[in-house]
Amino acid sequence: MAEAQGAQTHGGESLLFLTDEQLRQGIEAMFFAYRGFTADPDRILQGLSFGRAHHRALHFIHCAPGTTVNNLLTILGVTKQSLNRVLRALIEEGLVESRVGRVDKRERHLHLTEAGQALERELSDAQRARMRAAYRNAGPDAVAGFRKVLEAMMDTEMRRQYHGLREGRG
């Protein structure tokens, strides 16, 4: 019976066997889930002529106030030109403030303004509501399993960055 459900016990270990079709369904579910996860913020940002790159920048500046431009480049995995375009728009709109580093004058440290904090909160509230509803529906075991799956999909450097943010080193 366990084998029919995709799991088989082998030497005390539970092995998971998934067909290509099951994996394809998982991939498709991730694409549609991502669309759902970004739909509410996309609607909010559309009215401001901003996109997902702006949202990601706001999110990670919020997570790590004072982060440097170089650190944000690493976290987002985008080009310097792309990030500069996004930051320029956020700064011009009064959502992000760029401060010269106290120790290294070449560094620029990023902070959300009050307006930036309000927009980030509006965007995050929409996503938290969707995540909260999905987590409640799925239950605690599924939540823990989902987080494990997501972390397992990260490469080593991504996982290091993720844990660094969680530990306040972002």
C-alpha atoms as a PDB file:
ATOM      1  CA  MET A   1       0.000   0.000   0.000  1.00  0.00           C
ATOM      2  CA  ALA A   2       2.799   2.422   0.887  1.00  0.00           C
ATOM      3  CA  GLU A   3       4.426   1.746  -2.469  1.00  0.00           C
ATOM      4  CA  ALA A   4       1.203   2.612  -4.267  1.00  0.00           C
ATOM      5  CA  GLN A   5       1.242   6.022  -2.537  1.00  0.00           C
ATOM      6  CA  GLY A   6       4.809   6.697  -3.611  1.00  0.00           C
ATOM      7  CA  ALA A   7       6.634   5.677  -0.429  1.00  0.00           C
ATOM      8  CA  GLN A   8       8.430   2.454   0.308  1.00  0.00           C
ATOM      9  CA  THR A   9      10.243   1.358   3.436  1.00  0.00           C
ATOM     10  CA  HIS A  10      13.746   0.119   2.728  1.00  0.00           C
ATOM     11  CA  GLY A  11      16.122  -0.826   5.549  1.00  0.00           C
ATOM     12  CA  GLY A  12      14.257   1.306   8.076  1.00  0.00           C
ATOM     13  CA  GLU A  13      14.235   4.340   5.779  1.00  0.00           C
ATOM     14  CA  SER A  14      11.210   5.685   4.015  1.00  0.00           C
ATOM     15  CA  LEU A  15      12.023   6.267   0.362  1.00  0.00           C
ATOM     16  CA  LEU A  16       9.883   8.443  -1.846  1.00  0.00           C
ATOM     17  CA  PHE A  17       9.298   7.384  -5.428  1.00  0.00           C
ATOM     18  CA  LEU A  18       7.606   9.899  -7.670  1.00  0.00           C
ATOM     19  CA  THR A  19       6.699   9.449 -11.288  1.00  0.00           C
ATOM     20  CA  ASP A  20       7.597  12.037 -13.904  1.00  0.00           C
ATOM     21  CA  GLU A  21       3.897  12.878 -14.063  1.00  0.00           C
ATOM     22  CA  GLN A  22       3.760  13.557 -10.299  1.00  0.00           C
ATOM     23  CA  LEU A  23       6.855  15.753 -10.562  1.00  0.00           C
ATOM     24  CA  ARG A  24       5.344  17.629 -13.522  1.00  0.00           C
ATOM     25  CA  GLN A  25       2.184  18.237 -11.495  1.00  0.00           C
ATOM     26  CA  GLY A  26       4.312  19.588  -8.638  1.00  0.00           C
ATOM     27  CA  ILE A  27       6.137  21.935 -11.003  1.00  0.00           C
ATOM     28  CA  GLU A  28       2.857  23.172 -12.453  1.00  0.00           C
ATOM     29  CA  ALA A  29       1.435  23.661  -8.963  1.00  0.00           C
ATOM     30  CA  MET A  30       4.480  25.801  -8.067  1.00  0.00           C
ATOM     31  CA  PHE A  31       3.961  27.985 -11.150  1.00  0.00           C
ATOM     32  CA  PHE A  32       0.288  28.546 -10.339  1.00  0.00           C
ATOM     33  CA  ALA A  33       0.976  29.021  -6.618  1.00  0.00           C
ATOM     34  CA  TYR A  34       3.577  31.666  -7.462  1.00  0.00           C
ATOM     35  CA  ARG A  35       1.020  33.438  -9.656  1.00  0.00           C
ATOM     36  CA  GLY A  36      -1.420  33.402  -6.744  1.00  0.00           C
ATOM     37  CA  PHE A  37       1.243  34.494  -4.260  1.00  0.00           C
ATOM     38  CA  THR A  38       2.205  37.497  -6.397  1.00  0.00           C
ATOM     39  CA  ALA A  39      -1.273  38.430  -7.689  1.00  0.00           C
ATOM     40  CA  ASP A  40      -2.303  40.692  -4.801  1.00  0.00           C
ATOM     41  CA  PRO A  41       0.980  42.641  -4.643  1.00  0.00           C
ATOM     42  CA  ASP A  42       1.010  42.895  -8.459  1.00  0.00           C
ATOM     43  CA  ARG A  43      -2.380  44.628  -8.346  1.00  0.00           C
ATOM     44  CA  ILE A  44      -1.159  47.082  -5.708  1.00  0.00           C
ATOM     45  CA  LEU A  45       2.114  47.773  -7.554  1.00  0.00           C
ATOM     46  CA  GLN A  46       0.439  48.199 -10.941  1.00  0.00           C
ATOM     47  CA  GLY A  47      -1.241  51.369  -9.730  1.00  0.00           C
ATOM     48  CA  LEU A  48       2.172  52.747  -8.782  1.00  0.00           C
ATOM     49  CA  SER A  49       3.892  51.721 -12.044  1.00  0.00           C
ATOM     50  CA  PHE A  50       6.119  49.336 -10.092  1.00  0.00           C
ATOM     51  CA  GLY A  51       6.712  45.639 -10.580  1.00  0.00           C
ATOM     52  CA  ARG A  52       7.957  42.571  -8.748  1.00  0.00           C
ATOM     53  CA  ALA A  53      11.566  43.756  -8.717  1.00  0.00           C
ATOM     54  CA  HIS A  54      10.481  46.802  -6.719  1.00  0.00           C
ATOM     55  CA  HIS A  55       8.522  44.554  -4.367  1.00  0.00           C
ATOM     56  CA  ARG A  56      11.512  42.268  -3.779  1.00  0.00           C
ATOM     57  CA  ALA A  57      13.778  45.247  -3.097  1.00  0.00           C
ATOM     58  CA  LEU A  58      11.289  46.705  -0.596  1.00  0.00           C
ATOM     59  CA  HIS A  59      10.881  43.318   1.071  1.00  0.00           C
ATOM     60  CA  PHE A  60      14.579  42.680   1.607  1.00  0.00           C
ATOM     61  CA  ILE A  61      15.385  46.252   2.631  1.00  0.00           C
ATOM     62  CA  HIS A  62      12.623  45.869   5.213  1.00  0.00           C
ATOM     63  CA  CYS A  63      14.088  42.531   6.385  1.00  0.00           C
ATOM     64  CA  ALA A  64      17.565  44.019   6.761  1.00  0.00           C
ATOM     65  CA  PRO A  65      17.389  47.786   7.355  1.00  0.00           C
ATOM     66  CA  GLY A  66      20.690  49.424   6.457  1.00  0.00           C
ATOM     67  CA  THR A  67      21.665  46.635   4.081  1.00  0.00           C
ATOM     68  CA  THR A  68      24.177  47.676   1.469  1.00  0.00           C
ATOM     69  CA  VAL A  69      23.505  47.861  -2.233  1.00  0.00           C
ATOM     70  CA  ASN A  70      26.089  45.095  -2.751  1.00  0.00           C
ATOM     71  CA  ASN A  71      24.349  42.829  -0.231  1.00  0.00           C
ATOM     72  CA  LEU A  72      20.998  43.452  -1.919  1.00  0.00           C
ATOM     73  CA  LEU A  73      22.606  42.589  -5.275  1.00  0.00           C
ATOM     74  CA  THR A  74      23.727  39.269  -3.828  1.00  0.00           C
ATOM     75  CA  ILE A  75      20.363  38.457  -2.244  1.00  0.00           C
ATOM     76  CA  LEU A  76      18.326  39.334  -5.335  1.00  0.00           C
ATOM     77  CA  GLY A  77      20.757  37.838  -7.836  1.00  0.00           C
ATOM     78  CA  VAL A  78      20.225  40.643 -10.352  1.00  0.00           C
ATOM     79  CA  THR A  79      22.603  42.844 -12.290  1.00  0.00           C
ATOM     80  CA  LYS A  80      23.863  46.109 -10.850  1.00  0.00           C
ATOM     81  CA  GLN A  81      22.218  47.977 -13.735  1.00  0.00           C
ATOM     82  CA  SER A  82      18.851  46.340 -13.046  1.00  0.00           C
ATOM     83  CA  LEU A  83      19.003  47.018  -9.304  1.00  0.00           C
ATOM     84  CA  ASN A  84      20.111  50.633  -9.840  1.00  0.00           C
ATOM     85  CA  ARG A  85      17.081  51.226 -12.066  1.00  0.00           C
ATOM     86  CA  VAL A  86      14.767  49.809  -9.374  1.00  0.00           C
ATOM     87  CA  LEU A  87      16.442  51.685  -6.509  1.00  0.00           C
ATOM     88  CA  ARG A  88      16.442  54.955  -8.443  1.00  0.00           C
ATOM     89  CA  ALA A  89      12.663  54.708  -8.902  1.00  0.00           C
ATOM     90  CA  LEU A  90      12.088  53.795  -5.235  1.00  0.00           C
ATOM     91  CA  ILE A  91      14.295  56.658  -4.057  1.00  0.00           C
ATOM     92  CA  GLU A  92      12.642  59.162  -6.440  1.00  0.00           C
ATOM     93  CA  GLU A  93       9.223  58.124  -5.118  1.00  0.00           C
ATOM     94  CA  GLY A  94      10.384  58.680  -1.548  1.00  0.00           C
ATOM     95  CA  LEU A  95      10.081  55.012  -0.541  1.00  0.00           C
ATOM     96  CA  VAL A  96      13.767  54.228   0.017  1.00  0.00           C
ATOM     97  CA  GLU A  97      16.568  56.309   1.425  1.00  0.00           C
ATOM     98  CA  SER A  98      20.215  55.706   0.503  1.00  0.00           C
ATOM     99  CA  ARG A  99      22.748  56.732   3.151  1.00  0.00           C
ATOM    100  CA  VAL A 100      26.513  56.900   2.775  1.00  0.00           C
ATOM    101  CA  GLY A 101      28.325  54.362   4.961  1.00  0.00           C
ATOM    102  CA  ARG A 102      29.854  55.651   8.190  1.00  0.00           C
ATOM    103  CA  VAL A 103      32.883  53.375   8.010  1.00  0.00           C
ATOM    104  CA  ASP A 104      33.227  52.990   4.245  1.00  0.00           C
ATOM    105  CA  LYS A 105      32.061  56.109   2.405  1.00  0.00           C
ATOM    106  CA  ARG A 106      31.801  54.088  -0.838  1.00  0.00           C
ATOM    107  CA  GLU A 107      28.997  51.956   0.616  1.00  0.00           C
ATOM    108  CA  ARG A 108      25.377  52.952   0.304  1.00  0.00           C
ATOM    109  CA  HIS A 109      23.080  51.711   3.072  1.00  0.00           C
ATOM    110  CA  LEU A 110      19.401  51.351   2.245  1.00  0.00           C
ATOM    111  CA  HIS A 111      16.476  52.153   4.533  1.00  0.00           C
ATOM    112  CA  LEU A 112      12.736  52.326   3.949  1.00  0.00           C
ATOM    113  CA  THR A 113      11.128  55.698   4.540  1.00  0.00           C
ATOM    114  CA  GLU A 114       7.796  55.876   6.373  1.00  0.00           C
ATOM    115  CA  ALA A 115       6.029  55.717   3.004  1.00  0.00           C
ATOM    116  CA  GLY A 116       8.218  52.754   2.005  1.00  0.00           C
ATOM    117  CA  GLN A 117       7.382  50.964   5.250  1.00  0.00           C
ATOM    118  CA  ALA A 118       3.667  51.547   4.662  1.00  0.00           C
ATOM    119  CA  LEU A 119       3.834  50.161   1.106  1.00  0.00           C
ATOM    120  CA  GLU A 120       5.947  47.176   2.170  1.00  0.00           C
ATOM    121  CA  ARG A 121       3.437  46.432   4.947  1.00  0.00           C
ATOM    122  CA  GLU A 122       0.508  46.612   2.510  1.00  0.00           C
ATOM    123  CA  LEU A 123       2.254  44.235   0.093  1.00  0.00           C
ATOM    124  CA  SER A 124       3.340  41.825   2.829  1.00  0.00           C
ATOM    125  CA  ASP A 125      -0.066  41.873   4.539  1.00  0.00           C
ATOM    126  CA  ALA A 126      -1.637  40.665   1.294  1.00  0.00           C
ATOM    127  CA  GLN A 127       0.868  37.831   0.977  1.00  0.00           C
ATOM    128  CA  ARG A 128       0.693  36.920   4.665  1.00  0.00           C
ATOM    129  CA  ALA A 129      -3.099  36.623   4.415  1.00  0.00           C
ATOM    130  CA  ARG A 130      -2.778  34.235   1.475  1.00  0.00           C
ATOM    131  CA  MET A 131      -0.016  32.209   3.198  1.00  0.00           C
ATOM    132  CA  ARG A 132      -1.933  32.107   6.495  1.00  0.00           C
ATOM    133  CA  ALA A 133      -5.059  30.770   4.788  1.00  0.00           C
ATOM    134  CA  ALA A 134      -3.076  28.162   2.843  1.00  0.00           C
ATOM    135  CA  TYR A 135      -1.132  27.062   5.939  1.00  0.00           C
ATOM    136  CA  ARG A 136      -4.305  26.773   8.022  1.00  0.00           C
ATOM    137  CA  ASN A 137      -5.935  24.729   5.302  1.00  0.00           C
ATOM    138  CA  ALA A 138      -2.914  22.428   4.890  1.00  0.00           C
ATOM    139  CA  GLY A 139      -2.126  21.911   8.585  1.00  0.00           C
ATOM    140  CA  PRO A 140       1.096  22.015  10.612  1.00  0.00           C
ATOM    141  CA  ASP A 141       2.693  18.865   9.169  1.00  0.00           C
ATOM    142  CA  ALA A 142       2.225  20.157   5.639  1.00  0.00           C
ATOM    143  CA  VAL A 143       3.665  23.558   6.618  1.00  0.00           C
ATOM    144  CA  ALA A 144       6.822  21.953   8.004  1.00  0.00           C
ATOM    145  CA  GLY A 145       7.092  19.698   4.952  1.00  0.00           C
ATOM    146  CA  PHE A 146       6.585  22.608   2.571  1.00  0.00           C
ATOM    147  CA  ARG A 147       9.369  24.594   4.222  1.00  0.00           C
ATOM    148  CA  LYS A 148      11.659  21.545   3.991  1.00  0.00           C
ATOM    149  CA  VAL A 149      10.893  21.158   0.293  1.00  0.00           C
ATOM    150  CA  LEU A 150      11.558  24.844  -0.386  1.00  0.00           C
ATOM    151  CA  GLU A 151      14.870  24.777   1.473  1.00  0.00           C
ATOM    152  CA  ALA A 152      15.897  21.574  -0.297  1.00  0.00           C
ATOM    153  CA  MET A 153      15.367  23.342  -3.641  1.00  0.00           C
ATOM    154  CA  MET A 154      17.803  26.131  -2.696  1.00  0.00           C
ATOM    155  CA  ASP A 155      21.419  25.750  -3.640  1.00  0.00           C
ATOM    156  CA  THR A 156      24.011  26.054  -0.857  1.00  0.00           C
ATOM    157  CA  GLU A 157      24.600  29.793  -1.282  1.00  0.00           C
ATOM    158  CA  MET A 158      20.871  30.570  -1.401  1.00  0.00           C
ATOM    159  CA  ARG A 159      20.308  28.537   1.753  1.00  0.00           C
ATOM    160  CA  ARG A 160      23.152  30.420   3.485  1.00  0.00           C
ATOM    161  CA  GLN A 161      21.599  33.761   2.517  1.00  0.00           C
ATOM    162  CA  TYR A 162      18.144  32.603   3.615  1.00  0.00           C
ATOM    163  CA  HIS A 163      19.385  31.470   7.021  1.00  0.00           C
ATOM    164  CA  GLY A 164      21.416  34.668   7.338  1.00  0.00           C
ATOM    165  CA  LEU A 165      18.251  36.719   6.893  1.00  0.00           C
ATOM    166  CA  ARG A 166      16.399  34.572   9.403  1.00  0.00           C
ATOM    167  CA  GLU A 167      19.237  35.097  11.911  1.00  0.00           C
ATOM    168  CA  GLY A 168      19.302  38.856  11.336  1.00  0.00           C
ATOM    169  CA  ARG A 169      22.570  38.940   9.380  1.00  0.00           C
ATOM    170  CA  GLY A 170      20.924  40.092   6.151  1.00  0.00           C
END
